[in-house]
Protein backbone atom coordinates (compact mmCIF):
# COMPACT_ATOMS: atom_id res chain seq x y z
CA UNK A 1 7.08 -6.83 36.64
CA UNK A 2 7.78 -3.62 34.73
CA UNK A 3 6.19 -3.09 31.32
CA UNK A 4 9.56 -2.69 29.58
CA UNK A 5 10.66 -6.14 30.70
CA UNK A 6 7.38 -7.75 29.63
CA UNK A 7 7.54 -6.06 26.22
CA UNK A 8 11.19 -6.97 25.71
CA UNK A 9 10.51 -10.62 26.49
CA UNK A 10 7.31 -10.80 24.43
CA UNK A 11 8.83 -11.05 20.96
CA UNK A 12 6.56 -8.21 19.83
CA UNK A 13 8.23 -5.47 17.80
CA UNK A 14 7.20 -2.20 16.20
CA UNK A 15 7.14 -2.45 12.40
CA UNK A 16 6.20 0.03 9.70
CA UNK A 17 2.87 0.71 11.40
CA UNK A 18 2.27 -0.47 14.96
CA UNK A 19 3.46 -3.30 17.16
CA UNK A 20 3.09 -6.67 15.43
CA UNK A 21 3.73 -10.29 16.32
CA UNK A 22 2.32 -13.76 16.78
CA UNK A 23 -1.07 -13.99 18.46
CA UNK A 24 0.40 -16.41 20.98
CA UNK A 25 2.81 -13.68 22.09
CA UNK A 26 0.02 -11.15 22.69
CA UNK A 27 -0.87 -12.54 26.11
CA UNK A 28 -3.08 -10.61 28.51
CA UNK A 29 0.03 -9.49 30.38
CA UNK A 30 1.68 -8.22 27.19
CA UNK A 31 -1.45 -6.30 26.16
CA UNK A 32 -1.59 -4.81 29.65
CA UNK A 33 2.08 -3.82 29.41
CA UNK A 34 1.69 -2.10 26.03
CA UNK A 35 -1.49 -0.30 27.10
CA UNK A 36 -0.12 0.94 30.42
CA UNK A 37 3.20 1.92 28.86
CA UNK A 38 1.42 3.87 26.13
CA UNK A 39 -0.85 5.64 28.62
CA UNK A 40 2.17 6.60 30.72
CA UNK A 41 3.59 8.52 27.75
CA UNK A 42 0.44 10.64 27.38
CA UNK A 43 -0.15 13.83 29.35
CA UNK A 44 -3.24 14.15 31.56
CA UNK A 45 -5.10 11.40 29.72
CA UNK A 46 -8.54 10.65 31.14
CA UNK A 47 -10.14 8.81 28.25
CA UNK A 48 -9.07 6.47 25.45
CA UNK A 49 -10.76 5.10 22.32
CA UNK A 50 -10.31 1.45 21.31
CA UNK A 51 -11.50 -0.55 18.28
CA UNK A 52 -10.72 -3.83 16.52
CA UNK A 53 -10.61 -5.59 13.18
CA UNK A 54 -12.28 -8.93 12.40
CA UNK A 55 -9.38 -11.20 13.35
CA UNK A 56 -10.39 -14.05 15.66
CA UNK A 57 -7.87 -12.89 18.28
CA UNK A 58 -8.82 -9.20 18.27
CA UNK A 59 -11.73 -9.22 20.78
CA UNK A 60 -9.61 -10.92 23.46
CA UNK A 61 -6.75 -8.48 22.90
CA UNK A 62 -9.15 -5.55 23.10
CA UNK A 63 -10.58 -6.96 26.31
CA UNK A 64 -7.10 -6.96 27.83
CA UNK A 65 -6.32 -3.42 26.63
CA UNK A 66 -9.66 -2.11 27.91
CA UNK A 67 -9.19 -3.87 31.25
CA UNK A 68 -5.72 -2.36 31.64
CA UNK A 69 -6.93 1.15 30.89
CA UNK A 70 -9.98 0.84 33.13
CA UNK A 71 -7.93 -0.46 36.06
CA UNK A 72 -5.60 2.50 35.55
CA UNK A 73 -8.56 4.84 36.05
CA UNK A 74 -8.99 5.71 32.36
CA UNK A 75 -12.46 5.78 30.79
CA UNK A 76 -12.75 3.76 27.60
CA UNK A 77 -14.86 4.31 24.48
CA UNK A 78 -15.05 0.94 22.74
CA UNK A 79 -16.17 1.15 19.12
CA UNK A 80 -16.04 -2.52 18.16
CA UNK A 81 -15.19 -3.49 14.59
CA UNK A 82 -14.53 -0.39 12.48
CA UNK A 83 -11.84 0.69 10.01
CA UNK A 84 -8.64 2.04 11.53
CA UNK A 85 -9.11 5.51 9.97
CA UNK A 86 -12.61 5.68 11.48
CA UNK A 87 -11.12 5.17 14.93
CA UNK A 88 -8.31 7.65 14.22
CA UNK A 89 -10.76 10.27 12.99
CA UNK A 90 -13.11 9.86 15.95
CA UNK A 91 -10.22 10.06 18.43
CA UNK A 92 -8.87 13.13 16.62
CA UNK A 93 -12.24 14.88 16.90
CA UNK A 94 -12.52 14.00 20.61
CA UNK A 95 -8.84 14.86 21.23
CA UNK A 96 -8.19 11.54 22.99
CA UNK A 97 -5.55 8.84 22.43
CA UNK A 98 -6.56 5.56 20.79
CA UNK A 99 -5.52 1.95 20.32
CA UNK A 100 -6.52 -0.06 17.27
CA UNK A 101 -6.24 -3.82 17.65
CA UNK A 102 -5.27 -4.95 14.16
CA UNK A 103 -2.67 -6.86 12.23
CA UNK A 104 -3.78 -5.15 9.01
CA UNK A 105 -3.02 -7.52 6.10
CA UNK A 106 -0.74 -10.04 7.81
CA UNK A 107 -1.95 -13.65 8.37
CA UNK A 108 -4.52 -14.41 11.05
CA UNK A 109 -2.00 -16.14 13.32
CA UNK A 110 -0.52 -12.70 13.89
CA UNK A 111 -1.98 -9.48 15.22
CA UNK A 112 -0.95 -6.05 16.38
CA UNK A 113 -1.63 -2.81 18.23
CA UNK A 114 -1.63 0.57 16.54
CA UNK A 115 -1.40 3.65 18.77
CA UNK A 116 -2.63 7.22 18.39
CA UNK A 117 -1.92 10.20 20.62
CA UNK A 118 -4.54 12.93 20.95
CA UNK A 119 -2.91 14.61 17.93
CA UNK A 120 -2.59 11.59 15.66
CA UNK A 121 -0.52 8.53 14.80
CA UNK A 122 2.50 7.96 17.03
CA UNK A 123 6.02 8.70 15.85
CA UNK A 124 9.13 6.54 15.97
CA UNK A 125 10.15 8.52 19.07
CA UNK A 126 6.83 7.62 20.67
CA UNK A 127 7.49 3.95 19.91
CA UNK A 128 10.81 4.18 21.75
CA UNK A 129 9.11 5.85 24.71
CA UNK A 130 6.53 3.05 24.92
CA UNK A 131 9.16 0.33 24.82
CA UNK A 132 11.30 2.12 27.41
CA UNK A 133 8.53 3.00 29.87
CA UNK A 134 8.87 1.32 33.27
CA UNK A 135 5.28 0.90 34.40
CA UNK A 136 4.44 -1.78 37.00
CA UNK A 137 2.06 -4.45 35.69
CA UNK A 138 0.71 -5.85 38.92
CA UNK A 139 -2.09 -7.99 37.51
CA UNK A 140 -3.80 -8.75 34.23
CA UNK A 141 -7.31 -9.54 35.44
CA UNK A 142 -9.91 -9.16 32.70
CA UNK A 143 -13.12 -7.19 32.79
CA UNK A 144 -16.06 -8.04 30.50
CA UNK A 145 -15.79 -6.66 26.96
CA UNK A 146 -18.27 -3.76 26.76
CA UNK A 147 -20.89 -3.33 24.07
CA UNK A 148 -19.65 -1.45 21.01
CA UNK A 149 -20.48 2.25 20.59
CA UNK A 150 -21.63 3.19 17.05
CA UNK A 151 -20.49 6.82 17.07
CA UNK A 152 -17.22 6.20 15.22
CA UNK A 153 -19.09 4.30 12.47
CA UNK A 154 -21.45 7.23 12.00
CA UNK A 155 -18.80 9.97 12.25
CA UNK A 156 -16.60 8.41 9.59
CA UNK A 157 -19.49 8.19 7.13
CA UNK A 158 -20.51 11.77 7.91
CA UNK A 159 -16.93 12.95 7.21
CA UNK A 160 -17.45 12.16 3.53
CA UNK A 161 -21.15 12.84 3.17
CA UNK A 162 -20.47 16.39 4.39
CA UNK A 163 -18.20 17.17 1.41
CA UNK A 164 -19.30 14.91 -1.45
CA UNK A 165 -22.63 15.33 -3.24
CA UNK A 166 -25.32 12.75 -2.60
CA UNK A 167 -25.46 12.04 -6.36
CA UNK A 168 -21.69 11.61 -6.79
CA UNK A 169 -22.13 7.96 -7.76
CA UNK A 170 -25.58 8.21 -9.32
CA UNK A 171 -26.09 5.67 -12.14
CA UNK A 172 -22.90 3.88 -11.09
CA UNK A 173 -22.89 0.23 -10.12
CA UNK A 174 -20.24 -0.31 -7.47
CA UNK A 175 -19.22 -3.74 -6.24
CA UNK A 176 -17.91 -3.99 -2.69
CA UNK A 177 -15.68 -6.97 -1.97
CA UNK A 178 -16.43 -7.26 1.73
CA UNK A 179 -14.45 -10.38 2.75
CA UNK A 180 -13.47 -9.86 6.43
CA UNK A 181 -12.62 -6.15 6.19
CA UNK A 182 -13.26 -4.09 9.31
CA UNK A 183 -15.31 -1.74 7.12
CA UNK A 184 -17.39 -4.32 5.31
CA UNK A 185 -20.64 -3.16 6.95
CA UNK A 186 -19.76 0.53 6.67
CA UNK A 187 -18.85 0.83 2.99
CA UNK A 188 -22.24 -0.24 1.56
CA UNK A 189 -23.94 2.40 3.71
CA UNK A 190 -21.55 5.12 2.52
CA UNK A 191 -21.62 4.26 -1.17
CA UNK A 192 -25.42 3.97 -1.21
CA UNK A 193 -25.66 7.38 0.47
CA UNK A 194 -23.57 8.77 -2.40
CA UNK A 195 -26.05 7.45 -4.94
CA UNK A 196 -24.42 4.19 -6.02
CA UNK A 197 -26.17 0.96 -6.90
CA UNK A 198 -24.19 -1.27 -4.53
CA UNK A 199 -23.50 -4.97 -5.02
CA UNK A 200 -22.02 -6.70 -1.95
CA UNK A 201 -19.64 -9.53 -2.79
CA UNK A 202 -17.37 -12.07 -1.14
CA UNK A 203 -18.46 -11.77 2.50
CA UNK A 204 -16.36 -14.16 4.60
CA UNK A 205 -16.79 -15.52 8.11
CA UNK A 206 -13.12 -16.47 8.09
CA UNK A 207 -10.38 -13.85 8.20
CA UNK A 208 -8.93 -13.08 4.75
CA UNK A 209 -5.45 -11.47 4.82
CA UNK A 210 -5.79 -9.20 1.79
CA UNK A 211 -2.50 -7.46 0.99
CA UNK A 212 -3.06 -4.50 -1.34
CA UNK A 213 0.62 -4.52 -2.32
CA UNK A 214 0.61 -8.19 -3.30
CA UNK A 215 -2.86 -8.96 -4.64
CA UNK A 216 -3.21 -12.67 -5.28
CA UNK A 217 -3.83 -13.74 -8.86
CA UNK A 218 -6.99 -15.53 -7.69
CA UNK A 219 -8.31 -12.20 -6.35
CA UNK A 220 -7.46 -10.48 -9.63
CA UNK A 221 -9.31 -13.14 -11.60
CA UNK A 222 -12.28 -12.93 -9.24
CA UNK A 223 -12.44 -9.16 -9.69
CA UNK A 224 -12.62 -9.54 -13.47
CA UNK A 225 -15.36 -12.16 -13.16
CA UNK A 226 -17.42 -9.98 -10.80
CA UNK A 227 -16.99 -6.92 -13.03
CA UNK A 228 -18.26 -8.86 -16.04
CA UNK A 229 -21.00 -10.80 -14.27
CA UNK A 230 -22.51 -7.79 -12.50
CA UNK A 231 -21.63 -5.19 -15.15
CA UNK A 232 -19.83 -3.10 -12.55
CA UNK A 233 -18.49 0.40 -13.06
CA UNK A 234 -16.01 -0.16 -10.23
CA UNK A 235 -15.07 -2.69 -7.56
CA UNK A 236 -13.93 -1.48 -4.14
CA UNK A 237 -12.26 -3.32 -1.30
CA UNK A 238 -9.67 -2.82 1.43
CA UNK A 239 -7.20 -4.76 3.53
CA UNK A 240 -8.23 -6.23 6.87
CA UNK A 241 -8.40 -3.02 8.90
CA UNK A 242 -9.69 -0.74 6.17
CA UNK A 243 -6.81 1.69 5.80
CA UNK A 244 -5.49 0.45 2.44
CA UNK A 245 -7.82 0.48 -0.58
CA UNK A 246 -8.28 -1.66 -3.64
CA UNK A 247 -10.12 -0.14 -6.59
CA UNK A 248 -10.77 -1.96 -9.85
CA UNK A 249 -12.08 -0.37 -13.03
CA UNK A 250 -15.05 -1.48 -15.13
CA UNK A 251 -12.97 -4.36 -16.47
CA UNK A 252 -12.11 -5.62 -13.00
CA UNK A 253 -8.47 -4.53 -13.31
CA UNK A 254 -7.06 -3.19 -10.03
CA UNK A 255 -5.15 0.07 -9.88
CA UNK A 256 -1.90 -0.18 -7.99
CA UNK A 257 -2.10 1.67 -4.68
CA UNK A 258 0.30 4.43 -5.67
CA UNK A 259 -1.34 4.99 -9.07
CA UNK A 260 -4.72 5.27 -7.34
CA UNK A 261 -3.40 7.77 -4.81
CA UNK A 262 -1.57 9.74 -7.50
CA UNK A 263 -4.88 10.22 -9.30
CA UNK A 264 -6.58 11.09 -6.01
CA UNK A 265 -3.94 13.70 -5.18
CA UNK A 266 -4.51 15.32 -8.57
CA UNK A 267 -8.26 15.30 -7.98
CA UNK A 268 -7.78 16.94 -4.57
CA UNK A 269 -5.43 19.63 -5.95
CA UNK A 270 -2.63 18.62 -3.62
CA UNK A 271 0.43 20.88 -3.95
CA UNK A 272 3.11 18.95 -2.07
CA UNK A 273 3.45 15.21 -1.50
CA UNK A 274 5.38 12.91 0.79
CA UNK A 275 5.77 9.32 -0.41
CA UNK A 276 7.97 6.35 0.48
CA UNK A 277 10.83 5.40 -1.79
CA UNK A 278 8.88 2.36 -3.05
CA UNK A 279 6.23 4.43 -4.86
CA UNK A 280 6.10 4.72 -8.63
CA UNK A 281 8.34 7.24 -10.37
CA UNK A 282 5.19 8.38 -12.20
CA UNK A 283 4.59 10.74 -9.28
CA UNK A 284 7.44 13.00 -10.36
CA UNK A 285 7.02 12.34 -14.08
CA UNK A 286 3.47 13.72 -14.17
CA UNK A 287 4.57 17.18 -13.03
CA UNK A 288 1.27 17.51 -11.14
CA UNK A 289 2.88 18.58 -7.87
CA UNK A 290 5.15 21.43 -6.79
CA UNK A 291 7.20 19.24 -4.48
CA UNK A 292 7.59 15.49 -3.94
CA UNK A 293 9.59 14.24 -0.97
CA UNK A 294 10.52 10.55 -0.55
CA UNK A 295 11.07 8.74 2.75
CA UNK A 296 11.67 5.32 4.24
CA UNK A 297 8.69 2.96 4.07
CA UNK A 298 6.12 3.32 6.86
CA UNK A 299 3.46 5.87 7.71
CA UNK A 300 5.45 7.31 10.67
CA UNK A 301 8.20 8.39 8.26
CA UNK A 302 5.68 9.96 5.89
CA UNK A 303 3.99 11.82 8.75
CA UNK A 304 7.33 13.04 10.13
CA UNK A 305 8.11 14.67 6.79
CA UNK A 306 4.87 16.67 6.68
CA UNK A 307 6.05 19.43 9.02
CA UNK A 308 8.58 20.99 6.64
CA UNK A 309 6.19 21.02 3.69
CA UNK A 310 3.39 22.53 5.78
CA UNK A 311 5.56 25.64 6.22
CA UNK A 312 5.50 26.31 2.49
CA UNK A 313 2.33 24.75 1.10
CA UNK A 314 -1.33 24.80 2.09
CA UNK A 315 -2.42 21.52 0.46
CA UNK A 316 -0.11 18.75 1.69
CA UNK A 317 -0.69 15.01 1.61
CA UNK A 318 1.12 11.71 1.45
CA UNK A 319 0.48 8.19 0.33
CA UNK A 320 2.10 4.78 0.24
CA UNK A 321 2.47 2.11 -2.41
CA UNK A 322 -0.22 0.14 -0.56
CA UNK A 323 -2.79 2.84 -1.36
CA UNK A 324 -3.12 4.34 2.11
CA UNK A 325 -3.69 8.09 1.72
CA UNK A 326 -2.66 10.53 4.46
CA UNK A 327 -4.14 14.03 4.44
CA UNK A 328 -1.80 16.41 6.26
CA UNK A 329 -3.74 19.65 5.78
CA UNK A 330 -7.32 20.84 5.81
CA UNK A 331 -8.61 21.16 2.24
CA UNK A 332 -11.78 22.15 0.42
CA UNK A 333 -13.88 19.68 -1.54
CA UNK A 334 -16.81 21.24 -3.39
CA UNK A 335 -16.04 24.39 -1.38
CA UNK A 336 -16.67 22.48 1.82
CA UNK A 337 -13.94 21.90 4.43
CA UNK A 338 -12.46 18.46 4.95
CA UNK A 339 -10.20 18.40 7.97
CA UNK A 340 -6.84 16.66 7.89
CA UNK A 341 -6.48 12.99 8.75
CA UNK A 342 -2.75 12.18 8.77
CA UNK A 343 -3.09 8.41 8.94
CA UNK A 344 -3.75 5.84 6.23
CA UNK A 345 -7.24 6.13 4.80
CA UNK A 346 -8.86 3.90 2.19
CA UNK A 347 -12.02 5.90 1.45
CA UNK A 348 -10.70 9.34 0.48
CA UNK A 349 -8.46 8.20 -2.40
CA UNK A 350 -11.27 6.11 -3.88
CA UNK A 351 -13.90 8.87 -3.72
CA UNK A 352 -11.41 11.41 -5.07
CA UNK A 353 -10.51 9.13 -7.98
CA UNK A 354 -14.16 8.43 -8.78
CA UNK A 355 -14.70 12.19 -8.76
CA UNK A 356 -11.80 12.69 -11.16
CA UNK A 357 -13.37 10.18 -13.57
CA UNK A 358 -16.44 12.47 -13.69
CA UNK A 359 -18.74 9.75 -14.94
CA UNK A 360 -16.34 8.30 -17.52
CA UNK A 361 -14.86 4.82 -17.38
CA UNK A 362 -12.24 4.44 -14.68
CA UNK A 363 -9.90 2.80 -17.16
CA UNK A 364 -9.73 6.11 -19.04
CA UNK A 365 -7.83 7.60 -16.10
CA UNK A 366 -4.78 5.59 -17.12
CA UNK A 367 -4.37 8.14 -19.92
CA UNK A 368 -3.46 10.71 -17.23
CA UNK A 369 -0.46 8.65 -16.10
CA UNK A 370 2.94 7.99 -17.67
CA UNK A 371 3.44 4.53 -19.11
CA UNK A 372 5.15 3.19 -16.01
CA UNK A 373 3.91 -0.03 -14.48
CA UNK A 374 4.52 -1.42 -11.02
CA UNK A 375 4.31 -4.88 -9.57
CA UNK A 376 5.03 -6.17 -6.09
CA UNK A 377 5.09 -9.54 -4.42
CA UNK A 378 6.74 -11.20 -1.45
CA UNK A 379 8.43 -14.30 -0.16
CA UNK A 380 6.91 -15.52 3.08
CA UNK A 381 8.83 -17.03 5.98
CA UNK A 382 12.02 -15.17 5.11
CA UNK A 383 13.48 -13.62 8.26
CA UNK A 384 15.43 -10.38 8.33
CA UNK A 385 18.50 -12.39 9.28
CA UNK A 386 18.12 -14.47 6.13
CA UNK A 387 17.60 -11.51 3.82
CA UNK A 388 20.10 -9.11 5.44
CA UNK A 389 23.20 -10.44 3.60
CA UNK A 390 21.50 -9.90 0.25
CA UNK A 391 20.36 -6.40 1.15
CA UNK A 392 23.82 -5.41 2.36
CA UNK A 393 25.43 -6.87 -0.76
CA UNK A 394 23.05 -4.85 -2.91
CA UNK A 395 23.95 -1.68 -1.05
CA UNK A 396 27.71 -2.21 -1.26
CA UNK A 397 28.10 -4.01 -4.57
CA UNK A 398 24.92 -4.22 -6.67
CA UNK A 399 26.72 -5.90 -9.56
CA UNK A 400 27.83 -8.69 -7.22
CA UNK A 401 24.25 -9.04 -5.95
CA UNK A 402 23.09 -9.59 -9.53
CA UNK A 403 25.75 -12.23 -9.97
CA UNK A 404 24.97 -13.93 -6.66
CA UNK A 405 21.32 -14.25 -7.66
CA UNK A 406 22.23 -15.41 -11.18
CA UNK A 407 20.68 -12.23 -12.62
CA UNK A 408 23.65 -11.29 -14.76
CA UNK A 409 21.40 -10.16 -17.60
CA UNK A 410 20.61 -7.03 -15.58
CA UNK A 411 23.01 -4.08 -15.27
CA UNK A 412 22.60 -1.51 -12.48
CA UNK A 413 22.95 2.22 -13.14
CA UNK A 414 21.76 3.68 -9.81
CA UNK A 415 21.37 2.49 -6.22
CA UNK A 416 19.05 3.95 -3.58
CA UNK A 417 19.49 2.71 0.01
CA UNK A 418 16.80 4.80 1.69
CA UNK A 419 14.98 1.62 2.70
CA UNK A 420 16.30 -1.76 1.68
CA UNK A 421 18.00 -1.54 -1.70
CA UNK A 422 16.36 -0.01 -4.77
CA UNK A 423 18.23 -0.62 -8.01
CA UNK A 424 17.60 1.32 -11.21
CA UNK A 425 18.72 -0.75 -14.18
CA UNK A 426 20.30 0.59 -17.37
CA UNK A 427 17.07 -0.42 -19.11
CA UNK A 428 15.15 2.01 -16.90
CA UNK A 429 13.45 -0.82 -14.99
CA UNK A 430 13.59 -0.80 -11.18
CA UNK A 431 14.09 -3.61 -8.66
CA UNK A 432 13.52 -2.83 -4.98
CA UNK A 433 14.18 -5.45 -2.29
CA UNK A 434 13.18 -4.83 1.30
CA UNK A 435 12.40 -6.98 4.36
CA UNK A 436 8.89 -6.38 5.70
CA UNK A 437 8.62 -4.42 8.92
CA UNK A 438 5.52 -6.36 9.98
CA UNK A 439 6.19 -10.02 9.25
CA UNK A 440 8.98 -12.44 8.28
CA UNK A 441 8.72 -11.62 4.58
CA UNK A 442 10.94 -10.22 1.86
CA UNK A 443 9.17 -7.83 -0.49
CA UNK A 444 10.10 -7.10 -4.06
CA UNK A 445 8.80 -4.02 -5.86
CA UNK A 446 9.44 -3.61 -9.57
CA UNK A 447 8.76 -0.93 -12.15
CA UNK A 448 8.89 -1.04 -15.93
CA UNK A 449 7.45 0.62 -19.01
CA UNK A 450 5.45 -2.56 -19.62
CA UNK A 451 3.05 -4.26 -17.18
CA UNK A 452 4.04 -7.80 -18.10
CA UNK A 453 7.73 -6.91 -17.81
CA UNK A 454 7.20 -5.51 -14.31
CA UNK A 455 5.48 -8.70 -13.19
CA UNK A 456 7.99 -11.01 -14.85
CA UNK A 457 10.88 -9.05 -13.35
CA UNK A 458 9.48 -9.33 -9.81
CA UNK A 459 8.74 -13.04 -10.10
CA UNK A 460 12.14 -13.75 -11.60
CA UNK A 461 13.96 -11.88 -8.82
CA UNK A 462 11.91 -13.54 -6.07
CA UNK A 463 12.48 -16.99 -7.55
CA UNK A 464 16.23 -16.37 -7.57
CA UNK A 465 16.14 -15.06 -4.01
CA UNK A 466 14.13 -18.10 -2.90
CA UNK A 467 16.67 -20.45 -4.47
CA UNK A 468 19.54 -18.55 -2.84
CA UNK A 469 17.95 -18.63 0.62
CA UNK A 470 17.07 -22.33 0.35
CA UNK A 471 20.63 -23.11 -0.74
CA UNK A 472 22.25 -21.10 2.06
CA UNK A 473 19.92 -22.53 4.73
CA UNK A 474 20.51 -26.09 3.60
């Protein structure tokens, strides 16, 4: 059977970053189809790099991908469990394509495949080419999973030790919330090498689906407890595959992903930025950057927008509301070159922000930002079909959407339909509704001049949406 038919029938779709779906749909045959289809779109490929996250299903999926590539005559470098940016960086250095087996932050009953060409993360056009490829999948026999190579682990650490001083974090006590992150064994090594007193916390043998855009209140409370108990200067963590960071200050209060990356971009002297429409308006309000360009949500859209800015600026980067930082251009840190890595990275924004603090309390960095506060959360098990009528109503008649959701106390002054529907209220607050590209979820992003208002606004909107969906389904 041809790969295009297998993929079409699999129920697996490309989302904001990679192909995602239920684990039960990622059969050996489907993994073979995706791998062979991807390889067919690459020119003269002789070698491929593959790595995984800590999901229970990831080793078996990697085994199928490796078997498919090997049977196609392609040599495979298998790096085991490492962060996605570590795989991307290693593949970039070796100029080979790569496949990361990861579902990022989505629940463990789902997984995914993220693809890289020999020049970086695939584009939306590449996704279409993979889906459309007609490659025969004659068998899906499995070969043994090879032993993991440690080179990618070491290269990723070296990337940052080469530019940051070994005493960067001297006299700083850094907690690392390890949970089931793909980088949980790597981060302690890196932070210790930069001089930190490292405290490892929260190691989990079960997969923990940390979502950096919707941090659970239990995780927030735990961060505050750890910060107080261990007298931490900072607490660091990531999502499941290590490309989205979480950084908490000395009080255990987490920065939002876009606030963290905004501070990092300032620290790195970035001139031009690309960000999705969901990011905080603080980016423009600071005046730190010459140009800010907004896109649809998803790293492929951010990456696609880099080209134009690279023609006019030397220091170009992007980031997402989830905290993933994408470095489009080579830059200097401490007069040492750091080469570009245009895919989500969790380490660079954290080290850059710690550098910006220059030994002071991380909480003091909030003084560098406008008083705009963001909050985001989600409704699970809401399909695109269920949320589509609301999104369309918001685009065409936002006032009617407010009425439909019994939110008549809010008046809309501006509508942005770049991705989902983003409504600026007459109060200056913002409500942004958007179906997830990775899972059956509806996300709500809010912004206000007050942190509690931002949270209350998001929860109120989601509660009204939940009631509407339950009523229409029943």
